[in-house]
Amino acid sequence: MKKRPISITIVSWVYIAAGCAGLIYHAPEWKTPSAEHWQIVWVSAVRLLAVVAGIAMLRGQNWSRWLTIAWMAIHVVISLFNSWEQAAMHAVLLTVVIWILVRQPARDYFSKTPA
């Protein structure tokens, strides 16, 4: 079993926590039907993807690190429609996540060959 870098553990749990927090936050919206009900479906799906990515990263699944990067990149694009400050913050977070997930310790952890 390959040893998981602490940085991967931290990013994984942050994604799991963010996804769960988002699902809990948006849960009341499922009870009130509205014309924008499809939006809560998409928001919940995106939050669920964060949980799935975090769990899969903890398990060493290589595809999950790319899902994690894509998830954050989508947030950068979405935040461009809100404010440049929000977009800048998401861009900084994306940069940090990429840096953590493509460094050699991460590549070693996610590789198929045992350590």
PDB file of N, CA and C in Angstrom:
ATOM      1  N   MET A   1       0.840  -1.184   0.000  1.00  0.00           N
ATOM      2  CA  MET A   1       0.000   0.000   0.000  1.00  0.00           C
ATOM      3  C   MET A   1       0.882   1.243   0.000  1.00  0.00           C
ATOM      4  N   LYS A   2       0.601   2.162  -0.929  1.00  0.00           N
ATOM      5  CA  LYS A   2       1.373   3.392  -1.019  1.00  0.00           C
ATOM      6  C   LYS A   2       0.923   4.357   0.073  1.00  0.00           C
ATOM      7  N   LYS A   3       1.892   5.080   0.626  1.00  0.00           N
ATOM      8  CA  LYS A   3       1.584   6.059   1.657  1.00  0.00           C
ATOM      9  C   LYS A   3       0.999   7.305   0.999  1.00  0.00           C
ATOM     10  N   ARG A   4      -0.155   7.735   1.522  1.00  0.00           N
ATOM     11  CA  ARG A   4      -0.829   8.914   0.988  1.00  0.00           C
ATOM     12  C   ARG A   4      -0.177  10.178   1.541  1.00  0.00           C
ATOM     13  N   PRO A   5       0.216  11.107   0.660  1.00  0.00           N
ATOM     14  CA  PRO A   5       0.766  12.383   1.138  1.00  0.00           C
ATOM     15  C   PRO A   5      -0.295  13.150   1.941  1.00  0.00           C
ATOM     16  N   ILE A   6       0.140  13.839   2.965  1.00  0.00           N
ATOM     17  CA  ILE A   6      -0.780  14.597   3.811  1.00  0.00           C
ATOM     18  C   ILE A   6      -1.533  15.652   2.998  1.00  0.00           C
ATOM     19  N   SER A   7      -0.889  16.213   1.990  1.00  0.00           N
ATOM     20  CA  SER A   7      -1.551  17.224   1.160  1.00  0.00           C
ATOM     21  C   SER A   7      -2.757  16.631   0.425  1.00  0.00           C
ATOM     22  N   ILE A   8      -2.642  15.385  -0.015  1.00  0.00           N
ATOM     23  CA  ILE A   8      -3.762  14.710  -0.683  1.00  0.00           C
ATOM     24  C   ILE A   8      -4.883  14.453   0.318  1.00  0.00           C
ATOM     25  N   THR A   9      -4.518  14.050   1.510  1.00  0.00           N
ATOM     26  CA  THR A   9      -5.518  13.817   2.556  1.00  0.00           C
ATOM     27  C   THR A   9      -6.284  15.100   2.860  1.00  0.00           C
ATOM     28  N   ILE A  10      -5.568  16.209   2.984  1.00  0.00           N
ATOM     29  CA  ILE A  10      -6.208  17.493   3.294  1.00  0.00           C
ATOM     30  C   ILE A  10      -7.139  17.918   2.168  1.00  0.00           C
ATOM     31  N   VAL A  11      -6.659  17.887   0.932  1.00  0.00           N
ATOM     32  CA  VAL A  11      -7.503  18.284  -0.206  1.00  0.00           C
ATOM     33  C   VAL A  11      -8.726  17.375  -0.300  1.00  0.00           C
ATOM     34  N   SER A  12      -8.527  16.091  -0.108  1.00  0.00           N
ATOM     35  CA  SER A  12      -9.642  15.144  -0.179  1.00  0.00           C
ATOM     36  C   SER A  12     -10.719  15.478   0.845  1.00  0.00           C
ATOM     37  N   TRP A  13     -10.317  15.695   2.085  1.00  0.00           N
ATOM     38  CA  TRP A  13     -11.295  15.984   3.136  1.00  0.00           C
ATOM     39  C   TRP A  13     -11.940  17.358   2.955  1.00  0.00           C
ATOM     40  N   VAL A  14     -11.203  18.312   2.399  1.00  0.00           N
ATOM     41  CA  VAL A  14     -11.802  19.622   2.103  1.00  0.00           C
ATOM     42  C   VAL A  14     -12.898  19.459   1.052  1.00  0.00           C
ATOM     43  N   TYR A  15     -12.643  18.663   0.040  1.00  0.00           N
ATOM     44  CA  TYR A  15     -13.655  18.427  -0.998  1.00  0.00           C
ATOM     45  C   TYR A  15     -14.863  17.675  -0.433  1.00  0.00           C
ATOM     46  N   ILE A  16     -14.618  16.679   0.387  1.00  0.00           N
ATOM     47  CA  ILE A  16     -15.724  15.943   1.000  1.00  0.00           C
ATOM     48  C   ILE A  16     -16.555  16.883   1.868  1.00  0.00           C
ATOM     49  N   ALA A  17     -15.882  17.689   2.679  1.00  0.00           N
ATOM     50  CA  ALA A  17     -16.588  18.623   3.562  1.00  0.00           C
ATOM     51  C   ALA A  17     -17.350  19.683   2.760  1.00  0.00           C
ATOM     52  N   ALA A  18     -16.722  20.228   1.720  1.00  0.00           N
ATOM     53  CA  ALA A  18     -17.386  21.250   0.903  1.00  0.00           C
ATOM     54  C   ALA A  18     -18.608  20.665   0.195  1.00  0.00           C
ATOM     55  N   GLY A  19     -18.464  19.468  -0.325  1.00  0.00           N
ATOM     56  CA  GLY A  19     -19.589  18.825  -0.990  1.00  0.00           C
ATOM     57  C   GLY A  19     -20.736  18.540  -0.038  1.00  0.00           C
ATOM     58  N   CYS A  20     -20.406  18.006   1.133  1.00  0.00           N
ATOM     59  CA  CYS A  20     -21.453  17.717   2.135  1.00  0.00           C
ATOM     60  C   CYS A  20     -22.111  18.994   2.635  1.00  0.00           C
ATOM     61  N   ALA A  21     -21.306  20.018   2.896  1.00  0.00           N
ATOM     62  CA  ALA A  21     -21.862  21.296   3.361  1.00  0.00           C
ATOM     63  C   ALA A  21     -22.802  21.883   2.312  1.00  0.00           C
ATOM     64  N   GLY A  22     -22.417  21.805   1.055  1.00  0.00           N
ATOM     65  CA  GLY A  22     -23.273  22.309  -0.013  1.00  0.00           C
ATOM     66  C   GLY A  22     -24.564  21.526  -0.133  1.00  0.00           C
ATOM     67  N   LEU A  23     -24.475  20.215   0.001  1.00  0.00           N
ATOM     68  CA  LEU A  23     -25.688  19.391  -0.058  1.00  0.00           C
ATOM     69  C   LEU A  23     -26.629  19.715   1.094  1.00  0.00           C
ATOM     70  N   ILE A  24     -26.073  19.893   2.283  1.00  0.00           N
ATOM     71  CA  ILE A  24     -26.895  20.233   3.443  1.00  0.00           C
ATOM     72  C   ILE A  24     -27.498  21.624   3.285  1.00  0.00           C
ATOM     73  N   TYR A  25     -26.691  22.565   2.819  1.00  0.00           N
ATOM     74  CA  TYR A  25     -27.154  23.942   2.643  1.00  0.00           C
ATOM     75  C   TYR A  25     -28.317  24.018   1.651  1.00  0.00           C
ATOM     76  N   HIS A  26     -28.238  23.263   0.571  1.00  0.00           N
ATOM     77  CA  HIS A  26     -29.252  23.323  -0.481  1.00  0.00           C
ATOM     78  C   HIS A  26     -30.402  22.332  -0.275  1.00  0.00           C
ATOM     79  N   ALA A  27     -30.324  21.489   0.737  1.00  0.00           N
ATOM     80  CA  ALA A  27     -31.371  20.479   0.968  1.00  0.00           C
ATOM     81  C   ALA A  27     -32.774  21.073   1.107  1.00  0.00           C
ATOM     82  N   PRO A  28     -32.965  22.191   1.815  1.00  0.00           N
ATOM     83  CA  PRO A  28     -34.326  22.749   1.929  1.00  0.00           C
ATOM     84  C   PRO A  28     -34.942  23.155   0.585  1.00  0.00           C
ATOM     85  N   GLU A  29     -34.112  23.448  -0.396  1.00  0.00           N
ATOM     86  CA  GLU A  29     -34.607  23.860  -1.708  1.00  0.00           C
ATOM     87  C   GLU A  29     -35.310  22.718  -2.434  1.00  0.00           C
ATOM     88  N   TRP A  30     -35.036  21.481  -2.039  1.00  0.00           N
ATOM     89  CA  TRP A  30     -35.699  20.334  -2.647  1.00  0.00           C
ATOM     90  C   TRP A  30     -37.164  20.260  -2.239  1.00  0.00           C
ATOM     91  N   LYS A  31     -37.505  20.863  -1.106  1.00  0.00           N
ATOM     92  CA  LYS A  31     -38.873  20.786  -0.588  1.00  0.00           C
ATOM     93  C   LYS A  31     -39.822  21.775  -1.249  1.00  0.00           C
ATOM     94  N   THR A  32     -39.290  22.863  -1.777  1.00  0.00           N
ATOM     95  CA  THR A  32     -40.141  23.898  -2.363  1.00  0.00           C
ATOM     96  C   THR A  32     -40.020  23.879  -3.876  1.00  0.00           C
ATOM     97  N   PRO A  33     -41.022  23.362  -4.567  1.00  0.00           N
ATOM     98  CA  PRO A  33     -40.955  23.326  -6.031  1.00  0.00           C
ATOM     99  C   PRO A  33     -41.010  24.742  -6.608  1.00  0.00           C
ATOM    100  N   SER A  34     -40.232  24.943  -7.656  1.00  0.00           N
ATOM    101  CA  SER A  34     -40.220  26.237  -8.331  1.00  0.00           C
ATOM    102  C   SER A  34     -39.825  26.039  -9.784  1.00  0.00           C
ATOM    103  N   ALA A  35     -39.904  27.122 -10.534  1.00  0.00           N
ATOM    104  CA  ALA A  35     -39.541  27.058 -11.954  1.00  0.00           C
ATOM    105  C   ALA A  35     -38.051  26.763 -12.125  1.00  0.00           C
ATOM    106  N   GLU A  36     -37.259  27.121 -11.133  1.00  0.00           N
ATOM    107  CA  GLU A  36     -35.808  26.908 -11.202  1.00  0.00           C
ATOM    108  C   GLU A  36     -35.386  25.603 -10.512  1.00  0.00           C
ATOM    109  N   HIS A  37     -36.317  24.674 -10.382  1.00  0.00           N
ATOM    110  CA  HIS A  37     -36.017  23.416  -9.680  1.00  0.00           C
ATOM    111  C   HIS A  37     -34.875  22.650 -10.347  1.00  0.00           C
ATOM    112  N   TRP A  38     -34.740  22.775 -11.656  1.00  0.00           N
ATOM    113  CA  TRP A  38     -33.655  22.081 -12.350  1.00  0.00           C
ATOM    114  C   TRP A  38     -32.295  22.570 -11.870  1.00  0.00           C
ATOM    115  N   GLN A  39     -32.235  23.830 -11.417  1.00  0.00           N
ATOM    116  CA  GLN A  39     -30.956  24.366 -10.941  1.00  0.00           C
ATOM    117  C   GLN A  39     -30.476  23.636  -9.694  1.00  0.00           C
ATOM    118  N   ILE A  40     -31.393  23.308  -8.790  1.00  0.00           N
ATOM    119  CA  ILE A  40     -30.991  22.602  -7.577  1.00  0.00           C
ATOM    120  C   ILE A  40     -30.502  21.196  -7.908  1.00  0.00           C
ATOM    121  N   VAL A  41     -31.027  20.622  -8.974  1.00  0.00           N
ATOM    122  CA  VAL A  41     -30.551  19.308  -9.415  1.00  0.00           C
ATOM    123  C   VAL A  41     -29.090  19.413  -9.832  1.00  0.00           C
ATOM    124  N   TRP A  42     -28.772  20.420 -10.632  1.00  0.00           N
ATOM    125  CA  TRP A  42     -27.386  20.607 -11.085  1.00  0.00           C
ATOM    126  C   TRP A  42     -26.458  20.973  -9.933  1.00  0.00           C
ATOM    127  N   VAL A  43     -26.906  21.861  -9.060  1.00  0.00           N
ATOM    128  CA  VAL A  43     -26.093  22.254  -7.910  1.00  0.00           C
ATOM    129  C   VAL A  43     -25.802  21.034  -7.032  1.00  0.00           C
ATOM    130  N   SER A  44     -26.805  20.237  -6.782  1.00  0.00           N
ATOM    131  CA  SER A  44     -26.622  19.042  -5.959  1.00  0.00           C
ATOM    132  C   SER A  44     -25.693  18.027  -6.636  1.00  0.00           C
ATOM    133  N   ALA A  45     -25.824  17.891  -7.943  1.00  0.00           N
ATOM    134  CA  ALA A  45     -24.942  16.975  -8.678  1.00  0.00           C
ATOM    135  C   ALA A  45     -23.485  17.427  -8.581  1.00  0.00           C
ATOM    136  N   VAL A  46     -23.259  18.716  -8.692  1.00  0.00           N
ATOM    137  CA  VAL A  46     -21.892  19.248  -8.591  1.00  0.00           C
ATOM    138  C   VAL A  46     -21.349  19.024  -7.181  1.00  0.00           C
ATOM    139  N   ARG A  47     -22.175  19.247  -6.169  1.00  0.00           N
ATOM    140  CA  ARG A  47     -21.752  19.017  -4.783  1.00  0.00           C
ATOM    141  C   ARG A  47     -21.441  17.538  -4.549  1.00  0.00           C
ATOM    142  N   LEU A  48     -22.259  16.676  -5.119  1.00  0.00           N
ATOM    143  CA  LEU A  48     -22.037  15.246  -4.990  1.00  0.00           C
ATOM    144  C   LEU A  48     -20.734  14.824  -5.680  1.00  0.00           C
ATOM    145  N   LEU A  49     -20.424  15.452  -6.801  1.00  0.00           N
ATOM    146  CA  LEU A  49     -19.154  15.172  -7.483  1.00  0.00           C
ATOM    147  C   LEU A  49     -17.960  15.504  -6.589  1.00  0.00           C
ATOM    148  N   ALA A  50     -18.065  16.562  -5.801  1.00  0.00           N
ATOM    149  CA  ALA A  50     -16.980  16.917  -4.887  1.00  0.00           C
ATOM    150  C   ALA A  50     -16.777  15.816  -3.854  1.00  0.00           C
ATOM    151  N   VAL A  51     -17.860  15.291  -3.328  1.00  0.00           N
ATOM    152  CA  VAL A  51     -17.772  14.196  -2.348  1.00  0.00           C
ATOM    153  C   VAL A  51     -17.151  12.961  -2.993  1.00  0.00           C
ATOM    154  N   VAL A  52     -17.617  12.614  -4.177  1.00  0.00           N
ATOM    155  CA  VAL A  52     -17.096  11.447  -4.900  1.00  0.00           C
ATOM    156  C   VAL A  52     -15.597  11.625  -5.184  1.00  0.00           C
ATOM    157  N   ALA A  53     -15.204  12.813  -5.642  1.00  0.00           N
ATOM    158  CA  ALA A  53     -13.792  13.069  -5.937  1.00  0.00           C
ATOM    159  C   ALA A  53     -12.941  12.942  -4.679  1.00  0.00           C
ATOM    160  N   GLY A  54     -13.415  13.491  -3.571  1.00  0.00           N
ATOM    161  CA  GLY A  54     -12.662  13.415  -2.321  1.00  0.00           C
ATOM    162  C   GLY A  54     -12.481  11.983  -1.838  1.00  0.00           C
ATOM    163  N   ILE A  55     -13.544  11.221  -1.871  1.00  0.00           N
ATOM    164  CA  ILE A  55     -13.466   9.818  -1.433  1.00  0.00           C
ATOM    165  C   ILE A  55     -12.542   9.019  -2.351  1.00  0.00           C
ATOM    166  N   ALA A  56     -12.689   9.225  -3.650  1.00  0.00           N
ATOM    167  CA  ALA A  56     -11.853   8.485  -4.604  1.00  0.00           C
ATOM    168  C   ALA A  56     -10.379   8.867  -4.477  1.00  0.00           C
ATOM    169  N   MET A  57     -10.095  10.138  -4.171  1.00  0.00           N
ATOM    170  CA  MET A  57      -8.698  10.522  -3.962  1.00  0.00           C
ATOM    171  C   MET A  57      -8.121   9.826  -2.736  1.00  0.00           C
ATOM    172  N   LEU A  58      -8.914   9.731  -1.680  1.00  0.00           N
ATOM    173  CA  LEU A  58      -8.439   9.011  -0.486  1.00  0.00           C
ATOM    174  C   LEU A  58      -8.126   7.556  -0.809  1.00  0.00           C
ATOM    175  N   ARG A  59      -8.819   7.006  -1.786  1.00  0.00           N
ATOM    176  CA  ARG A  59      -8.622   5.612  -2.184  1.00  0.00           C
ATOM    177  C   ARG A  59      -7.549   5.449  -3.258  1.00  0.00           C
ATOM    178  N   GLY A  60      -6.953   6.571  -3.718  1.00  0.00           N
ATOM    179  CA  GLY A  60      -5.855   6.503  -4.681  1.00  0.00           C
ATOM    180  C   GLY A  60      -6.282   6.363  -6.126  1.00  0.00           C
ATOM    181  N   GLN A  61      -7.512   6.714  -6.451  1.00  0.00           N
ATOM    182  CA  GLN A  61      -8.004   6.633  -7.828  1.00  0.00           C
ATOM    183  C   GLN A  61      -7.483   7.818  -8.643  1.00  0.00           C
ATOM    184  N   ASN A  62      -6.700   7.548  -9.668  1.00  0.00           N
ATOM    185  CA  ASN A  62      -6.064   8.603 -10.454  1.00  0.00           C
ATOM    186  C   ASN A  62      -7.076   9.532 -11.109  1.00  0.00           C
ATOM    187  N   TRP A  63      -8.193   9.002 -11.621  1.00  0.00           N
ATOM    188  CA  TRP A  63      -9.189   9.833 -12.299  1.00  0.00           C
ATOM    189  C   TRP A  63      -9.754  10.908 -11.379  1.00  0.00           C
ATOM    190  N   SER A  64      -9.732  10.640 -10.073  1.00  0.00           N
ATOM    191  CA  SER A  64     -10.342  11.582  -9.136  1.00  0.00           C
ATOM    192  C   SER A  64      -9.563  12.882  -9.014  1.00  0.00           C
ATOM    193  N   ARG A  65      -8.255  12.833  -9.204  1.00  0.00           N
ATOM    194  CA  ARG A  65      -7.513  14.095  -9.123  1.00  0.00           C
ATOM    195  C   ARG A  65      -7.845  14.982 -10.305  1.00  0.00           C
ATOM    196  N   TRP A  66      -8.121  14.384 -11.461  1.00  0.00           N
ATOM    197  CA  TRP A  66      -8.505  15.192 -12.625  1.00  0.00           C
ATOM    198  C   TRP A  66      -9.923  15.715 -12.476  1.00  0.00           C
ATOM    199  N   LEU A  67     -10.803  14.929 -11.867  1.00  0.00           N
ATOM    200  CA  LEU A  67     -12.152  15.407 -11.559  1.00  0.00           C
ATOM    201  C   LEU A  67     -12.079  16.576 -10.576  1.00  0.00           C
ATOM    202  N   THR A  68     -11.195  16.476  -9.609  1.00  0.00           N
ATOM    203  CA  THR A  68     -11.017  17.537  -8.615  1.00  0.00           C
ATOM    204  C   THR A  68     -10.562  18.828  -9.279  1.00  0.00           C
ATOM    205  N   ILE A  69      -9.612  18.732 -10.177  1.00  0.00           N
ATOM    206  CA  ILE A  69      -9.125  19.914 -10.897  1.00  0.00           C
ATOM    207  C   ILE A  69     -10.233  20.479 -11.775  1.00  0.00           C
ATOM    208  N   ALA A  70     -10.950  19.630 -12.480  1.00  0.00           N
ATOM    209  CA  ALA A  70     -12.052  20.088 -13.338  1.00  0.00           C
ATOM    210  C   ALA A  70     -13.140  20.762 -12.513  1.00  0.00           C
ATOM    211  N   TRP A  71     -13.452  20.202 -11.348  1.00  0.00           N
ATOM    212  CA  TRP A  71     -14.473  20.762 -10.466  1.00  0.00           C
ATOM    213  C   TRP A  71     -14.105  22.189 -10.073  1.00  0.00           C
ATOM    214  N   MET A  72     -12.843  22.388  -9.703  1.00  0.00           N
ATOM    215  CA  MET A  72     -12.399  23.726  -9.301  1.00  0.00           C
ATOM    216  C   MET A  72     -12.359  24.668 -10.500  1.00  0.00           C
ATOM    217  N   ALA A  73     -11.958  24.173 -11.667  1.00  0.00           N
ATOM    218  CA  ALA A  73     -11.920  25.012 -12.872  1.00  0.00           C
ATOM    219  C   ALA A  73     -13.321  25.489 -13.245  1.00  0.00           C
ATOM    220  N   ILE A  74     -14.297  24.617 -13.096  1.00  0.00           N
ATOM    221  CA  ILE A  74     -15.685  25.011 -13.368  1.00  0.00           C
ATOM    222  C   ILE A  74     -16.108  26.121 -12.416  1.00  0.00           C
ATOM    223  N   HIS A  75     -15.675  26.037 -11.170  1.00  0.00           N
ATOM    224  CA  HIS A  75     -16.010  27.089 -10.213  1.00  0.00           C
ATOM    225  C   HIS A  75     -15.367  28.424 -10.586  1.00  0.00           C
ATOM    226  N   VAL A  76     -14.178  28.374 -11.161  1.00  0.00           N
ATOM    227  CA  VAL A  76     -13.553  29.616 -11.629  1.00  0.00           C
ATOM    228  C   VAL A  76     -14.428  30.249 -12.707  1.00  0.00           C
ATOM    229  N   VAL A  77     -14.871  29.449 -13.670  1.00  0.00           N
ATOM    230  CA  VAL A  77     -15.706  29.958 -14.765  1.00  0.00           C
ATOM    231  C   VAL A  77     -17.033  30.489 -14.227  1.00  0.00           C
ATOM    232  N   ILE A  78     -17.685  29.738 -13.360  1.00  0.00           N
ATOM    233  CA  ILE A  78     -18.967  30.175 -12.798  1.00  0.00           C
ATOM    234  C   ILE A  78     -18.800  31.476 -12.014  1.00  0.00           C
ATOM    235  N   SER A  79     -17.721  31.579 -11.258  1.00  0.00           N
ATOM    236  CA  SER A  79     -17.527  32.774 -10.439  1.00  0.00           C
ATOM    237  C   SER A  79     -17.235  34.016 -11.277  1.00  0.00           C
ATOM    238  N   LEU A  80     -16.825  33.828 -12.519  1.00  0.00           N
ATOM    239  CA  LEU A  80     -16.636  34.986 -13.410  1.00  0.00           C
ATOM    240  C   LEU A  80     -17.942  35.745 -13.626  1.00  0.00           C
ATOM    241  N   PHE A  81     -19.070  35.052 -13.496  1.00  0.00           N
ATOM    242  CA  PHE A  81     -20.371  35.690 -13.670  1.00  0.00           C
ATOM    243  C   PHE A  81     -20.828  36.437 -12.418  1.00  0.00           C
ATOM    244  N   ASN A  82     -20.110  36.247 -11.305  1.00  0.00           N
ATOM    245  CA  ASN A  82     -20.477  36.914 -10.057  1.00  0.00           C
ATOM    246  C   ASN A  82     -19.628  38.153  -9.798  1.00  0.00           C
ATOM    247  N   SER A  83     -18.350  37.948  -9.566  1.00  0.00           N
ATOM    248  CA  SER A  83     -17.463  39.092  -9.329  1.00  0.00           C
ATOM    249  C   SER A  83     -16.033  38.689  -9.644  1.00  0.00           C
ATOM    250  N   TRP A  84     -15.223  39.682  -9.937  1.00  0.00           N
ATOM    251  CA  TRP A  84     -13.824  39.371 -10.239  1.00  0.00           C
ATOM    252  C   TRP A  84     -13.095  38.923  -8.975  1.00  0.00           C
ATOM    253  N   GLU A  85     -13.521  39.411  -7.801  1.00  0.00           N
ATOM    254  CA  GLU A  85     -12.897  38.989  -6.555  1.00  0.00           C
ATOM    255  C   GLU A  85     -13.123  37.495  -6.315  1.00  0.00           C
ATOM    256  N   GLN A  86     -14.361  37.063  -6.541  1.00  0.00           N
ATOM    257  CA  GLN A  86     -14.684  35.645  -6.361  1.00  0.00           C
ATOM    258  C   GLN A  86     -13.929  34.793  -7.384  1.00  0.00           C
ATOM    259  N   ALA A  87     -13.866  35.270  -8.614  1.00  0.00           N
ATOM    260  CA  ALA A  87     -13.129  34.546  -9.655  1.00  0.00           C
ATOM    261  C   ALA A  87     -11.648  34.463  -9.304  1.00  0.00           C
ATOM    262  N   ALA A  88     -11.091  35.547  -8.789  1.00  0.00           N
ATOM    263  CA  ALA A  88      -9.677  35.559  -8.416  1.00  0.00           C
ATOM    264  C   ALA A  88      -9.405  34.569  -7.285  1.00  0.00           C
ATOM    265  N   MET A  89     -10.296  34.534  -6.294  1.00  0.00           N
ATOM    266  CA  MET A  89     -10.112  33.602  -5.180  1.00  0.00           C
ATOM    267  C   MET A  89     -10.191  32.151  -5.661  1.00  0.00           C
ATOM    268  N   HIS A  90     -11.171  31.866  -6.521  1.00  0.00           N
ATOM    269  CA  HIS A  90     -11.272  30.507  -7.062  1.00  0.00           C
ATOM    270  C   HIS A  90     -10.057  30.163  -7.923  1.00  0.00           C
ATOM    271  N   ALA A  91      -9.529  31.144  -8.646  1.00  0.00           N
ATOM    272  CA  ALA A  91      -8.342  30.904  -9.473  1.00  0.00           C
ATOM    273  C   ALA A  91      -7.134  30.581  -8.594  1.00  0.00           C
ATOM    274  N   VAL A  92      -7.003  31.282  -7.476  1.00  0.00           N
ATOM    275  CA  VAL A  92      -5.913  30.987  -6.539  1.00  0.00           C
ATOM    276  C   VAL A  92      -6.076  29.572  -5.977  1.00  0.00           C
ATOM    277  N   LEU A  93      -7.301  29.233  -5.574  1.00  0.00           N
ATOM    278  CA  LEU A  93      -7.556  27.883  -5.060  1.00  0.00           C
ATOM    279  C   LEU A  93      -7.273  26.821  -6.124  1.00  0.00           C
ATOM    280  N   LEU A  94      -7.671  27.099  -7.368  1.00  0.00           N
ATOM    281  CA  LEU A  94      -7.388  26.170  -8.468  1.00  0.00           C
ATOM    282  C   LEU A  94      -5.882  25.970  -8.629  1.00  0.00           C
ATOM    283  N   THR A  95      -5.131  27.050  -8.558  1.00  0.00           N
ATOM    284  CA  THR A  95      -3.675  26.972  -8.692  1.00  0.00           C
ATOM    285  C   THR A  95      -3.074  26.102  -7.587  1.00  0.00           C
ATOM    286  N   VAL A  96      -3.530  26.294  -6.362  1.00  0.00           N
ATOM    287  CA  VAL A  96      -3.029  25.502  -5.232  1.00  0.00           C
ATOM    288  C   VAL A  96      -3.393  24.024  -5.413  1.00  0.00           C
ATOM    289  N   VAL A  97      -4.631  23.758  -5.802  1.00  0.00           N
ATOM    290  CA  VAL A  97      -5.074  22.370  -6.001  1.00  0.00           C
ATOM    291  C   VAL A  97      -4.261  21.710  -7.115  1.00  0.00           C
ATOM    292  N   ILE A  98      -4.059  22.410  -8.211  1.00  0.00           N
ATOM    293  CA  ILE A  98      -3.244  21.844  -9.300  1.00  0.00           C
ATOM    294  C   ILE A  98      -1.838  21.560  -8.803  1.00  0.00           C
ATOM    295  N   TRP A  99      -1.266  22.510  -8.101  1.00  0.00           N
ATOM    296  CA  TRP A  99       0.106  22.347  -7.602  1.00  0.00           C
ATOM    297  C   TRP A  99       0.208  21.113  -6.710  1.00  0.00           C
ATOM    298  N   ILE A 100      -0.768  20.920  -5.835  1.00  0.00           N
ATOM    299  CA  ILE A 100      -0.748  19.762  -4.942  1.00  0.00           C
ATOM    300  C   ILE A 100      -0.931  18.460  -5.711  1.00  0.00           C
ATOM    301  N   LEU A 101      -1.841  18.454  -6.682  1.00  0.00           N
ATOM    302  CA  LEU A 101      -2.220  17.200  -7.339  1.00  0.00           C
ATOM    303  C   LEU A 101      -1.322  16.773  -8.495  1.00  0.00           C
ATOM    304  N   VAL A 102      -0.418  17.637  -8.942  1.00  0.00           N
ATOM    305  CA  VAL A 102       0.471  17.220 -10.034  1.00  0.00           C
ATOM    306  C   VAL A 102       1.932  17.099  -9.603  1.00  0.00           C
ATOM    307  N   ARG A 103       2.220  17.411  -8.369  1.00  0.00           N
ATOM    308  CA  ARG A 103       3.589  17.252  -7.867  1.00  0.00           C
ATOM    309  C   ARG A 103       3.963  15.777  -7.814  1.00  0.00           C
ATOM    310  N   GLN A 104       5.253  15.519  -7.691  1.00  0.00           N
ATOM    311  CA  GLN A 104       5.761  14.145  -7.690  1.00  0.00           C
ATOM    312  C   GLN A 104       5.149  13.267  -6.602  1.00  0.00           C
ATOM    313  N   PRO A 105       4.989  13.740  -5.372  1.00  0.00           N
ATOM    314  CA  PRO A 105       4.372  12.858  -4.366  1.00  0.00           C
ATOM    315  C   PRO A 105       2.962  12.408  -4.768  1.00  0.00           C
ATOM    316  N   ALA A 106       2.201  13.308  -5.378  1.00  0.00           N
ATOM    317  CA  ALA A 106       0.855  12.946  -5.825  1.00  0.00           C
ATOM    318  C   ALA A 106       0.929  11.967  -6.992  1.00  0.00           C
ATOM    319  N   ARG A 107       1.833  12.230  -7.933  1.00  0.00           N
ATOM    320  CA  ARG A 107       1.984  11.308  -9.071  1.00  0.00           C
ATOM    321  C   ARG A 107       2.361   9.915  -8.588  1.00  0.00           C
ATOM    322  N   ASP A 108       3.247   9.855  -7.600  1.00  0.00           N
ATOM    323  CA  ASP A 108       3.644   8.553  -7.055  1.00  0.00           C
ATOM    324  C   ASP A 108       2.452   7.862  -6.385  1.00  0.00           C
ATOM    325  N   TYR A 109       1.690   8.622  -5.615  1.00  0.00           N
ATOM    326  CA  TYR A 109       0.552   8.047  -4.897  1.00  0.00           C
ATOM    327  C   TYR A 109      -0.517   7.528  -5.854  1.00  0.00           C
ATOM    328  N   PHE A 110      -0.777   8.277  -6.917  1.00  0.00           N
ATOM    329  CA  PHE A 110      -1.830   7.886  -7.842  1.00  0.00           C
ATOM    330  C   PHE A 110      -1.376   6.929  -8.942  1.00  0.00           C
ATOM    331  N   SER A 111      -0.085   6.616  -8.985  1.00  0.00           N
ATOM    332  CA  SER A 111       0.409   5.698 -10.015  1.00  0.00           C
ATOM    333  C   SER A 111      -0.075   4.280  -9.735  1.00  0.00           C
ATOM    334  N   LYS A 112      -0.109   3.474 -10.762  1.00  0.00           N
ATOM    335  CA  LYS A 112      -0.573   2.082 -10.635  1.00  0.00           C
ATOM    336  C   LYS A 112       0.459   1.176  -9.992  1.00  0.00           C
ATOM    337  N   THR A 113       1.722   1.548 -10.086  1.00  0.00           N
ATOM    338  CA  THR A 113       2.764   0.681  -9.556  1.00  0.00           C
ATOM    339  C   THR A 113       2.888   0.871  -8.049  1.00  0.00           C
ATOM    340  N   PRO A 114       3.078  -0.203  -7.302  1.00  0.00           N
ATOM    341  CA  PRO A 114       3.217  -0.077  -5.838  1.00  0.00           C
ATOM    342  C   PRO A 114       4.527   0.598  -5.464  1.00  0.00           C
ATOM    343  N   ALA A 115       4.509   1.258  -4.323  1.00  0.00           N
ATOM    344  CA  ALA A 115       5.714   1.972  -3.854  1.00  0.00           C
ATOM    345  C   ALA A 115       6.745   0.991  -3.334  1.00  0.00           C
TER     346      ALA A 115
END
